[in-house]
Amino acid sequence: MNKTTVDQSTASQAEPASTGSPGNGREVTRLRLLFLAPLAAAIFAIVAALVLALYQHEHKTVDQGVLRIRASALDFYEDSIRYDARALQAVMDALKHDHALNAAPTA
């Protein structure tokens, strides 16, 4: 066996994709899937993690807003009750000290 025959047989064994055999398309597809499937899974996992982080942040923000609104409503309600109590106290004091209002007939 001479050197040219050895070089040709080695080249045909080293580069099976260039021969155009029917199995090469499957091999290329398999290699693409082996590369693209983990890449797509990683991208999906990153996007899912970002969506989850955004959801949790917004959920926390909404909860804080609701608590703030509840506290404000409670403060408003308590202030309203205090104001009404002071107004009622002023009416009671006016009735107590004004004899004309005390003597007025009631219906």
Protein backbone atom coordinates (compact mmCIF):
# COMPACT_ATOMS: atom_id res chain seq x y z
CA MET A 1 0.00 0.00 0.00
CA ASN A 2 1.46 3.29 -1.00
CA LYS A 3 1.17 6.65 0.65
CA THR A 4 -1.56 7.98 -1.71
CA THR A 5 -3.87 5.06 -0.96
CA VAL A 6 -3.40 5.50 2.80
CA ASP A 7 -4.11 9.26 2.58
CA GLN A 8 -7.31 8.70 0.60
CA SER A 9 -8.64 6.03 2.95
CA THR A 10 -7.82 8.20 6.01
CA ALA A 11 -9.51 11.22 4.46
CA SER A 12 -12.67 9.26 3.70
CA GLN A 13 -12.80 8.01 7.31
CA ALA A 14 -12.11 11.44 8.85
CA GLU A 15 -14.78 13.30 6.87
CA PRO A 16 -17.92 11.15 6.61
CA ALA A 17 -20.21 14.22 6.34
CA SER A 18 -18.68 15.24 3.02
CA THR A 19 -19.47 11.95 1.31
CA GLY A 20 -23.18 12.76 0.95
CA SER A 21 -24.45 9.52 2.41
CA PRO A 22 -28.15 9.42 3.49
CA GLY A 23 -27.37 9.08 7.23
CA ASN A 24 -25.57 12.43 7.40
CA GLY A 25 -28.77 14.48 7.49
CA ARG A 26 -29.88 12.61 10.58
CA GLU A 27 -26.50 13.15 12.20
CA VAL A 28 -26.63 16.90 11.54
CA THR A 29 -30.18 17.06 12.89
CA ARG A 30 -29.15 15.09 15.96
CA LEU A 31 -26.20 17.41 16.57
CA ARG A 32 -28.40 20.46 16.13
CA LEU A 33 -30.89 19.09 18.63
CA LEU A 34 -28.11 18.23 21.06
CA PHE A 35 -26.98 21.85 20.89
CA LEU A 36 -30.29 23.68 20.52
CA ALA A 37 -32.40 21.74 23.03
CA PRO A 38 -30.24 22.64 26.08
CA LEU A 39 -29.87 26.20 24.79
CA ALA A 40 -33.64 26.57 24.39
CA ALA A 41 -34.19 25.01 27.81
CA ALA A 42 -31.72 27.44 29.38
CA ILE A 43 -33.36 30.43 27.69
CA PHE A 44 -36.79 29.21 28.79
CA ALA A 45 -35.55 28.75 32.37
CA ILE A 46 -34.07 32.26 32.46
CA VAL A 47 -37.24 33.84 31.06
CA ALA A 48 -39.37 31.85 33.50
CA ALA A 49 -37.19 32.98 36.42
CA LEU A 50 -37.46 36.61 35.32
CA VAL A 51 -41.24 36.35 34.96
CA LEU A 52 -41.49 34.76 38.40
CA ALA A 53 -39.30 37.47 39.94
CA LEU A 54 -41.41 40.18 38.29
CA TYR A 55 -44.63 38.55 39.52
CA GLN A 56 -43.35 38.30 43.08
CA HIS A 57 -42.18 41.93 43.04
CA GLU A 58 -45.50 43.20 41.74
CA HIS A 59 -47.44 41.00 44.18
CA LYS A 60 -45.41 42.43 47.05
CA THR A 61 -45.96 45.98 45.76
CA VAL A 62 -49.73 45.44 45.51
CA ASP A 63 -49.85 43.97 49.01
CA GLN A 64 -47.99 46.98 50.40
CA GLY A 65 -50.37 49.32 48.56
CA VAL A 66 -53.41 47.53 49.96
CA LEU A 67 -52.01 47.72 53.49
CA ARG A 68 -51.31 51.42 53.04
CA ILE A 69 -54.83 52.05 51.73
CA ARG A 70 -56.37 50.08 54.60
CA ALA A 71 -54.34 52.08 57.13
CA SER A 72 -55.36 55.34 55.44
CA ALA A 73 -59.02 54.33 55.41
CA LEU A 74 -58.86 53.37 59.07
CA ASP A 75 -57.20 56.70 59.95
CA PHE A 76 -59.81 58.57 57.91
CA TYR A 77 -62.63 56.69 59.64
CA GLU A 78 -61.20 57.39 63.11
CA ASP A 79 -60.72 61.09 62.27
CA SER A 80 -64.30 61.25 61.01
CA ILE A 81 -65.63 59.71 64.22
CA ARG A 82 -63.60 62.14 66.34
CA TYR A 83 -64.88 65.09 64.29
CA ASP A 84 -68.49 63.90 64.62
CA ALA A 85 -68.04 63.38 68.37
CA ARG A 86 -66.67 66.93 68.76
CA ALA A 87 -69.55 68.35 66.70
CA LEU A 88 -72.07 66.45 68.83
CA GLN A 89 -70.35 67.67 71.99
CA ALA A 90 -70.58 71.26 70.74
CA VAL A 91 -74.32 70.84 70.05
CA MET A 92 -74.83 69.33 73.52
CA ASP A 93 -72.93 72.22 75.14
CA ALA A 94 -74.98 74.75 73.17
CA LEU A 95 -78.21 73.09 74.28
CA LYS A 96 -77.04 72.97 77.87
CA HIS A 97 -76.10 76.68 78.06
CA ASP A 98 -78.82 78.23 75.85
CA HIS A 99 -82.07 78.42 77.86
CA ALA A 100 -84.15 79.44 74.81
CA LEU A 101 -83.20 76.21 73.01
CA ASN A 102 -83.90 74.24 76.17
CA ALA A 103 -87.38 75.73 76.48
CA ALA A 104 -88.26 75.13 72.80
CA PRO A 105 -91.10 72.68 72.29
CA THR A 106 -90.18 69.26 70.93
CA ALA A 107 -92.20 67.62 68.22
